[in-house]
PDB file of N, CA and C in Angstrom:
ATOM      1  N   MET A   1     -34.462 181.579  46.107  1.00  0.00           N
ATOM      2  CA  MET A   1     -33.160 182.786  45.660  1.00  0.00           C
ATOM      3  C   MET A   1     -33.319 183.816  46.735  1.00  0.00           C
ATOM      4  N   LYS A   2     -33.477 183.558  47.910  1.00  0.00           N
ATOM      5  CA  LYS A   2     -33.621 184.651  48.762  1.00  0.00           C
ATOM      6  C   LYS A   2     -32.145 185.048  49.081  1.00  0.00           C
ATOM      7  N   ILE A   3     -31.086 184.765  48.633  1.00  0.00           N
ATOM      8  CA  ILE A   3     -29.809 185.263  48.491  1.00  0.00           C
ATOM      9  C   ILE A   3     -29.791 186.638  47.696  1.00  0.00           C
ATOM     10  N   PHE A   4     -30.457 186.434  46.582  1.00  0.00           N
ATOM     11  CA  PHE A   4     -30.496 187.656  45.525  1.00  0.00           C
ATOM     12  C   PHE A   4     -31.130 188.762  46.311  1.00  0.00           C
ATOM     13  N   GLN A   5     -32.101 188.803  46.660  1.00  0.00           N
ATOM     14  CA  GLN A   5     -33.001 189.809  47.338  1.00  0.00           C
ATOM     15  C   GLN A   5     -32.168 190.377  48.423  1.00  0.00           C
ATOM     16  N   GLU A   6     -31.706 189.375  49.179  1.00  0.00           N
ATOM     17  CA  GLU A   6     -30.733 190.269  50.328  1.00  0.00           C
ATOM     18  C   GLU A   6     -29.528 190.989  49.875  1.00  0.00           C
ATOM     19  N   ARG A   7     -28.855 190.528  48.897  1.00  0.00           N
ATOM     20  CA  ARG A   7     -27.677 191.084  48.290  1.00  0.00           C
ATOM     21  C   ARG A   7     -27.998 192.238  47.569  1.00  0.00           C
ATOM     22  N   LEU A   8     -28.938 192.197  46.931  1.00  0.00           N
ATOM     23  CA  LEU A   8     -29.510 193.454  46.155  1.00  0.00           C
ATOM     24  C   LEU A   8     -29.776 194.709  47.163  1.00  0.00           C
ATOM     25  N   LYS A   9     -30.486 194.318  48.289  1.00  0.00           N
ATOM     26  CA  LYS A   9     -30.868 195.431  49.200  1.00  0.00           C
ATOM     27  C   LYS A   9     -29.616 195.871  49.852  1.00  0.00           C
ATOM     28  N   GLU A  10     -28.741 195.082  50.101  1.00  0.00           N
ATOM     29  CA  GLU A  10     -27.481 195.217  50.827  1.00  0.00           C
ATOM     30  C   GLU A  10     -26.447 196.041  49.995  1.00  0.00           C
ATOM     31  N   LEU A  11     -26.662 195.693  48.689  1.00  0.00           N
ATOM     32  CA  LEU A  11     -25.564 196.719  47.976  1.00  0.00           C
ATOM     33  C   LEU A  11     -26.203 197.989  47.354  1.00  0.00           C
ATOM     34  N   ARG A  12     -27.647 197.982  47.477  1.00  0.00           N
ATOM     35  CA  ARG A  12     -28.260 199.269  47.460  1.00  0.00           C
ATOM     36  C   ARG A  12     -27.762 200.379  48.253  1.00  0.00           C
ATOM     37  N   LYS A  13     -27.947 199.559  49.589  1.00  0.00           N
ATOM     38  CA  LYS A  13     -28.223 200.277  51.042  1.00  0.00           C
ATOM     39  C   LYS A  13     -26.736 200.862  51.093  1.00  0.00           C
ATOM     40  N   SER A  14     -25.532 199.943  50.464  1.00  0.00           N
ATOM     41  CA  SER A  14     -24.082 200.528  50.778  1.00  0.00           C
ATOM     42  C   SER A  14     -23.834 201.450  50.106  1.00  0.00           C
ATOM     43  N   LYS A  15     -24.545 201.779  48.752  1.00  0.00           N
ATOM     44  CA  LYS A  15     -24.341 202.995  47.819  1.00  0.00           C
ATOM     45  C   LYS A  15     -25.322 204.141  48.375  1.00  0.00           C
ATOM     46  N   HIS A  16     -26.028 203.893  49.550  1.00  0.00           N
ATOM     47  CA  HIS A  16     -26.598 204.588  49.970  1.00  0.00           C
ATOM     48  C   HIS A  16     -27.726 205.527  48.868  1.00  0.00           C
ATOM     49  N   ILE A  17     -28.242 204.855  48.084  1.00  0.00           N
ATOM     50  CA  ILE A  17     -29.438 205.087  47.214  1.00  0.00           C
ATOM     51  C   ILE A  17     -30.646 204.292  47.405  1.00  0.00           C
ATOM     52  N   SER A  18     -31.795 205.006  47.060  1.00  0.00           N
ATOM     53  CA  SER A  18     -33.367 204.378  47.505  1.00  0.00           C
ATOM     54  C   SER A  18     -33.574 203.852  46.277  1.00  0.00           C
ATOM     55  N   GLN A  19     -34.772 202.929  46.593  1.00  0.00           N
ATOM     56  CA  GLN A  19     -34.977 202.026  45.156  1.00  0.00           C
ATOM     57  C   GLN A  19     -35.471 202.745  44.270  1.00  0.00           C
ATOM     58  N   LYS A  20     -36.021 203.809  44.532  1.00  0.00           N
ATOM     59  CA  LYS A  20     -36.394 204.832  43.231  1.00  0.00           C
ATOM     60  C   LYS A  20     -35.312 204.967  42.326  1.00  0.00           C
ATOM     61  N   GLU A  21     -34.120 205.677  43.004  1.00  0.00           N
ATOM     62  CA  GLU A  21     -33.026 205.837  42.476  1.00  0.00           C
ATOM     63  C   GLU A  21     -32.318 204.701  41.795  1.00  0.00           C
ATOM     64  N   LEU A  22     -32.103 203.462  42.048  1.00  0.00           N
ATOM     65  CA  LEU A  22     -31.831 202.615  41.448  1.00  0.00           C
ATOM     66  C   LEU A  22     -32.816 201.965  40.379  1.00  0.00           C
ATOM     67  N   ALA A  23     -33.953 202.151  40.459  1.00  0.00           N
ATOM     68  CA  ALA A  23     -34.950 201.966  39.310  1.00  0.00           C
ATOM     69  C   ALA A  23     -34.666 202.891  38.199  1.00  0.00           C
ATOM     70  N   ASP A  24     -34.450 204.274  38.583  1.00  0.00           N
ATOM     71  CA  ASP A  24     -33.985 205.169  37.557  1.00  0.00           C
ATOM     72  C   ASP A  24     -32.741 204.861  36.766  1.00  0.00           C
ATOM     73  N   ILE A  25     -31.607 204.228  37.440  1.00  0.00           N
ATOM     74  CA  ILE A  25     -30.403 203.784  36.996  1.00  0.00           C
ATOM     75  C   ILE A  25     -30.781 202.568  36.083  1.00  0.00           C
ATOM     76  N   LEU A  26     -31.544 201.818  36.437  1.00  0.00           N
ATOM     77  CA  LEU A  26     -31.839 200.552  35.675  1.00  0.00           C
ATOM     78  C   LEU A  26     -32.991 200.588  34.615  1.00  0.00           C
ATOM     79  N   PHE A  27     -33.471 201.859  34.495  1.00  0.00           N
ATOM     80  CA  PHE A  27     -34.677 202.065  33.718  1.00  0.00           C
ATOM     81  C   PHE A  27     -35.755 201.176  33.731  1.00  0.00           C
ATOM     82  N   THR A  28     -36.158 201.116  35.180  1.00  0.00           N
ATOM     83  CA  THR A  28     -37.394 200.161  35.674  1.00  0.00           C
ATOM     84  C   THR A  28     -38.231 201.005  36.717  1.00  0.00           C
ATOM     85  N   SER A  29     -38.895 200.176  37.233  1.00  0.00           N
ATOM     86  CA  SER A  29     -39.883 201.120  38.080  1.00  0.00           C
ATOM     87  C   SER A  29     -39.543 200.758  39.490  1.00  0.00           C
ATOM     88  N   ASN A  30     -40.040 201.853  40.449  1.00  0.00           N
ATOM     89  CA  ASN A  30     -39.907 201.513  41.691  1.00  0.00           C
ATOM     90  C   ASN A  30     -40.319 200.090  42.433  1.00  0.00           C
ATOM     91  N   SER A  31     -41.490 199.963  41.876  1.00  0.00           N
ATOM     92  CA  SER A  31     -42.179 198.660  42.363  1.00  0.00           C
ATOM     93  C   SER A  31     -41.413 197.497  41.968  1.00  0.00           C
ATOM     94  N   CYS A  32     -40.754 197.408  40.666  1.00  0.00           N
ATOM     95  CA  CYS A  32     -39.837 196.237  40.346  1.00  0.00           C
ATOM     96  C   CYS A  32     -38.811 196.178  41.335  1.00  0.00           C
ATOM     97  N   ILE A  33     -38.114 197.167  41.553  1.00  0.00           N
ATOM     98  CA  ILE A  33     -36.926 197.219  42.670  1.00  0.00           C
ATOM     99  C   ILE A  33     -37.488 196.392  44.038  1.00  0.00           C
ATOM    100  N   CYS A  34     -38.561 197.244  44.483  1.00  0.00           N
ATOM    101  CA  CYS A  34     -39.331 196.400  45.889  1.00  0.00           C
ATOM    102  C   CYS A  34     -39.645 194.965  45.350  1.00  0.00           C
ATOM    103  N   ASN A  35     -40.219 194.606  44.445  1.00  0.00           N
ATOM    104  CA  ASN A  35     -40.569 193.271  44.289  1.00  0.00           C
ATOM    105  C   ASN A  35     -39.380 192.387  44.189  1.00  0.00           C
ATOM    106  N   TRP A  36     -38.330 192.847  43.610  1.00  0.00           N
ATOM    107  CA  TRP A  36     -37.164 192.060  43.863  1.00  0.00           C
ATOM    108  C   TRP A  36     -36.634 191.767  44.906  1.00  0.00           C
ATOM    109  N   GLU A  37     -36.503 192.940  45.854  1.00  0.00           N
ATOM    110  CA  GLU A  37     -35.990 192.947  47.230  1.00  0.00           C
ATOM    111  C   GLU A  37     -36.882 192.124  48.131  1.00  0.00           C
ATOM    112  N   CYS A  38     -38.348 192.102  47.744  1.00  0.00           N
ATOM    113  CA  CYS A  38     -39.108 191.200  48.796  1.00  0.00           C
ATOM    114  C   CYS A  38     -39.080 189.825  48.268  1.00  0.00           C
ATOM    115  N   GLY A  39     -38.663 189.551  47.226  1.00  0.00           N
ATOM    116  CA  GLY A  39     -38.576 188.254  46.638  1.00  0.00           C
ATOM    117  C   GLY A  39     -40.018 187.717  45.949  1.00  0.00           C
ATOM    118  N   ARG A  40     -40.710 188.638  45.610  1.00  0.00           N
ATOM    119  CA  ARG A  40     -41.924 188.471  44.771  1.00  0.00           C
ATOM    120  C   ARG A  40     -41.756 188.205  43.462  1.00  0.00           C
ATOM    121  N   HIS A  41     -40.791 188.997  42.703  1.00  0.00           N
ATOM    122  CA  HIS A  41     -40.382 188.609  41.421  1.00  0.00           C
ATOM    123  C   HIS A  41     -38.907 188.896  41.311  1.00  0.00           C
ATOM    124  N   TYR A  42     -38.301 188.349  40.157  1.00  0.00           N
ATOM    125  CA  TYR A  42     -37.086 188.578  39.913  1.00  0.00           C
ATOM    126  C   TYR A  42     -36.640 189.032  38.749  1.00  0.00           C
ATOM    127  N   PRO A  43     -35.643 189.649  38.284  1.00  0.00           N
ATOM    128  CA  PRO A  43     -35.222 190.325  37.034  1.00  0.00           C
ATOM    129  C   PRO A  43     -34.812 189.273  35.942  1.00  0.00           C
ATOM    130  N   ASP A  44     -34.853 189.687  34.826  1.00  0.00           N
ATOM    131  CA  ASP A  44     -34.371 188.742  33.829  1.00  0.00           C
ATOM    132  C   ASP A  44     -32.548 189.037  33.911  1.00  0.00           C
ATOM    133  N   LEU A  45     -32.206 187.846  32.859  1.00  0.00           N
ATOM    134  CA  LEU A  45     -30.795 187.804  32.814  1.00  0.00           C
ATOM    135  C   LEU A  45     -30.069 189.083  32.497  1.00  0.00           C
ATOM    136  N   ASP A  46     -30.534 189.908  31.662  1.00  0.00           N
ATOM    137  CA  ASP A  46     -30.086 191.162  31.177  1.00  0.00           C
ATOM    138  C   ASP A  46     -30.017 192.310  32.370  1.00  0.00           C
ATOM    139  N   THR A  47     -30.899 192.299  33.172  1.00  0.00           N
ATOM    140  CA  THR A  47     -30.989 193.188  34.076  1.00  0.00           C
ATOM    141  C   THR A  47     -30.173 192.675  35.341  1.00  0.00           C
ATOM    142  N   VAL A  48     -30.015 191.452  35.479  1.00  0.00           N
ATOM    143  CA  VAL A  48     -29.081 190.851  36.604  1.00  0.00           C
ATOM    144  C   VAL A  48     -27.712 191.159  36.009  1.00  0.00           C
ATOM    145  N   ALA A  49     -27.443 191.329  34.934  1.00  0.00           N
ATOM    146  CA  ALA A  49     -26.185 191.750  34.415  1.00  0.00           C
ATOM    147  C   ALA A  49     -25.962 193.154  34.724  1.00  0.00           C
ATOM    148  N   ALA A  50     -26.836 194.031  34.256  1.00  0.00           N
ATOM    149  CA  ALA A  50     -26.857 195.356  34.617  1.00  0.00           C
ATOM    150  C   ALA A  50     -26.677 195.647  35.889  1.00  0.00           C
ATOM    151  N   ILE A  51     -27.429 195.071  37.029  1.00  0.00           N
ATOM    152  CA  ILE A  51     -27.218 195.134  38.333  1.00  0.00           C
ATOM    153  C   ILE A  51     -25.819 195.162  38.631  1.00  0.00           C
ATOM    154  N   ALA A  52     -25.215 193.656  38.377  1.00  0.00           N
ATOM    155  CA  ALA A  52     -23.987 193.422  38.474  1.00  0.00           C
ATOM    156  C   ALA A  52     -22.873 194.293  38.167  1.00  0.00           C
ATOM    157  N   SER A  53     -23.238 194.810  37.026  1.00  0.00           N
ATOM    158  CA  SER A  53     -22.320 195.623  36.481  1.00  0.00           C
ATOM    159  C   SER A  53     -22.257 197.290  37.354  1.00  0.00           C
ATOM    160  N   TYR A  54     -23.336 197.714  37.578  1.00  0.00           N
ATOM    161  CA  TYR A  54     -23.752 198.827  38.227  1.00  0.00           C
ATOM    162  C   TYR A  54     -22.823 198.795  39.707  1.00  0.00           C
ATOM    163  N   PHE A  55     -23.101 197.858  40.384  1.00  0.00           N
ATOM    164  CA  PHE A  55     -22.473 197.359  41.702  1.00  0.00           C
ATOM    165  C   PHE A  55     -21.143 196.836  41.780  1.00  0.00           C
ATOM    166  N   ASP A  56     -20.447 196.676  40.491  1.00  0.00           N
ATOM    167  CA  ASP A  56     -19.182 196.181  40.513  1.00  0.00           C
ATOM    168  C   ASP A  56     -18.967 194.692  41.023  1.00  0.00           C
ATOM    169  N   VAL A  57     -19.963 193.942  41.098  1.00  0.00           N
ATOM    170  CA  VAL A  57     -19.915 192.568  41.571  1.00  0.00           C
ATOM    171  C   VAL A  57     -20.163 191.626  40.415  1.00  0.00           C
ATOM    172  N   THR A  58     -20.097 190.237  40.341  1.00  0.00           N
ATOM    173  CA  THR A  58     -20.403 189.301  39.794  1.00  0.00           C
ATOM    174  C   THR A  58     -21.863 188.926  39.620  1.00  0.00           C
ATOM    175  N   SER A  59     -22.620 188.709  38.474  1.00  0.00           N
ATOM    176  CA  SER A  59     -23.727 188.109  38.424  1.00  0.00           C
ATOM    177  C   SER A  59     -23.822 186.721  39.434  1.00  0.00           C
ATOM    178  N   ASP A  60     -22.649 185.885  39.365  1.00  0.00           N
ATOM    179  CA  ASP A  60     -22.741 184.784  40.350  1.00  0.00           C
ATOM    180  C   ASP A  60     -22.654 185.252  41.930  1.00  0.00           C
ATOM    181  N   TYR A  61     -22.230 186.475  42.127  1.00  0.00           N
ATOM    182  CA  TYR A  61     -22.133 186.868  43.693  1.00  0.00           C
ATOM    183  C   TYR A  61     -23.860 187.295  43.963  1.00  0.00           C
ATOM    184  N   LEU A  62     -24.347 187.859  42.844  1.00  0.00           N
ATOM    185  CA  LEU A  62     -25.888 188.483  43.159  1.00  0.00           C
ATOM    186  C   LEU A  62     -26.863 187.183  43.640  1.00  0.00           C
ATOM    187  N   LEU A  63     -26.307 185.982  42.438  1.00  0.00           N
ATOM    188  CA  LEU A  63     -27.166 184.794  42.503  1.00  0.00           C
ATOM    189  C   LEU A  63     -26.916 183.830  43.648  1.00  0.00           C
ATOM    190  N   GLY A  64     -25.857 184.109  44.635  1.00  0.00           N
ATOM    191  CA  GLY A  64     -25.397 183.277  45.615  1.00  0.00           C
ATOM    192  C   GLY A  64     -24.423 182.107  45.234  1.00  0.00           C
ATOM    193  N   LEU A  65     -23.883 182.318  44.033  1.00  0.00           N
ATOM    194  CA  LEU A  65     -22.931 181.239  43.574  1.00  0.00           C
ATOM    195  C   LEU A  65     -21.617 181.471  43.819  1.00  0.00           C
ATOM    196  N   GLU A  66     -21.125 182.747  44.192  1.00  0.00           N
ATOM    197  CA  GLU A  66     -20.099 183.056  44.817  1.00  0.00           C
ATOM    198  C   GLU A  66     -20.151 183.898  46.277  1.00  0.00           C
ATOM    199  N   ASP A  67     -19.116 183.759  46.868  1.00  0.00           N
ATOM    200  CA  ASP A  67     -19.074 184.779  48.109  1.00  0.00           C
ATOM    201  C   ASP A  67     -18.521 185.960  47.888  1.00  0.00           C
ATOM    202  N   GLU A  68     -18.216 186.873  48.880  1.00  0.00           N
ATOM    203  CA  GLU A  68     -17.734 188.118  48.433  1.00  0.00           C
ATOM    204  C   GLU A  68     -16.373 188.222  47.994  1.00  0.00           C
ATOM    205  N   THR A  69     -15.531 187.091  48.224  1.00  0.00           N
ATOM    206  CA  THR A  69     -14.074 187.096  47.812  1.00  0.00           C
ATOM    207  C   THR A  69     -13.918 186.462  46.450  1.00  0.00           C
ATOM    208  N   GLY A  70     -15.300 186.126  45.826  1.00  0.00           N
ATOM    209  CA  GLY A  70     -15.077 185.777  44.397  1.00  0.00           C
ATOM    210  C   GLY A  70     -14.959 183.982  44.548  1.00  0.00           C
ATOM    211  N   SER A  71     -14.911 183.158  45.615  1.00  0.00           N
ATOM    212  CA  SER A  71     -14.796 181.832  45.661  1.00  0.00           C
ATOM    213  C   SER A  71     -16.394 181.244  45.431  1.00  0.00           C
ATOM    214  N   LYS A  72     -16.134 180.379  44.680  1.00  0.00           N
ATOM    215  CA  LYS A  72     -17.455 179.477  44.452  1.00  0.00           C
ATOM    216  C   LYS A  72     -17.865 178.885  45.558  1.00  0.00           C
ATOM    217  N   ILE A  73     -19.091 178.885  45.724  1.00  0.00           N
ATOM    218  CA  ILE A  73     -20.101 178.071  46.623  1.00  0.00           C
ATOM    219  C   ILE A  73     -20.525 176.935  46.047  1.00  0.00           C
ATOM    220  N   LYS A  74     -20.119 175.929  46.893  1.00  0.00           N
ATOM    221  CA  LYS A  74     -20.747 174.328  46.448  1.00  0.00           C
ATOM    222  C   LYS A  74     -21.846 174.270  47.255  1.00  0.00           C
ATOM    223  N   TYR A  75     -22.929 173.710  46.643  1.00  0.00           N
ATOM    224  CA  TYR A  75     -24.283 173.258  47.259  1.00  0.00           C
ATOM    225  C   TYR A  75     -24.326 171.836  46.810  1.00  0.00           C
ATOM    226  N   ILE A  76     -24.726 171.088  47.937  1.00  0.00           N
ATOM    227  CA  ILE A  76     -24.750 169.748  47.738  1.00  0.00           C
ATOM    228  C   ILE A  76     -26.596 169.613  47.492  1.00  0.00           C
ATOM    229  N   ILE A  77     -26.710 168.809  46.353  1.00  0.00           N
ATOM    230  CA  ILE A  77     -27.991 168.677  46.047  1.00  0.00           C
ATOM    231  C   ILE A  77     -28.542 167.218  46.160  1.00  0.00           C
TER     232      ILE A  77
END
């Protein structure tokens, strides 16, 4: 899920907020945000929904299932 960590960091930087500020918004710790952006841990589904809502994107976009236009990305398994 490297896409999630990259998109989270990109979205956070686009709003010009620090990891600490995002942590406060999401009622979590700065270390959680750092771990998510580094790919060491991932948020639960409720938190993914909260992140998507805050950044006004879909959870599918955060998870790499959609591109920035909202088009579904098809993966060959």
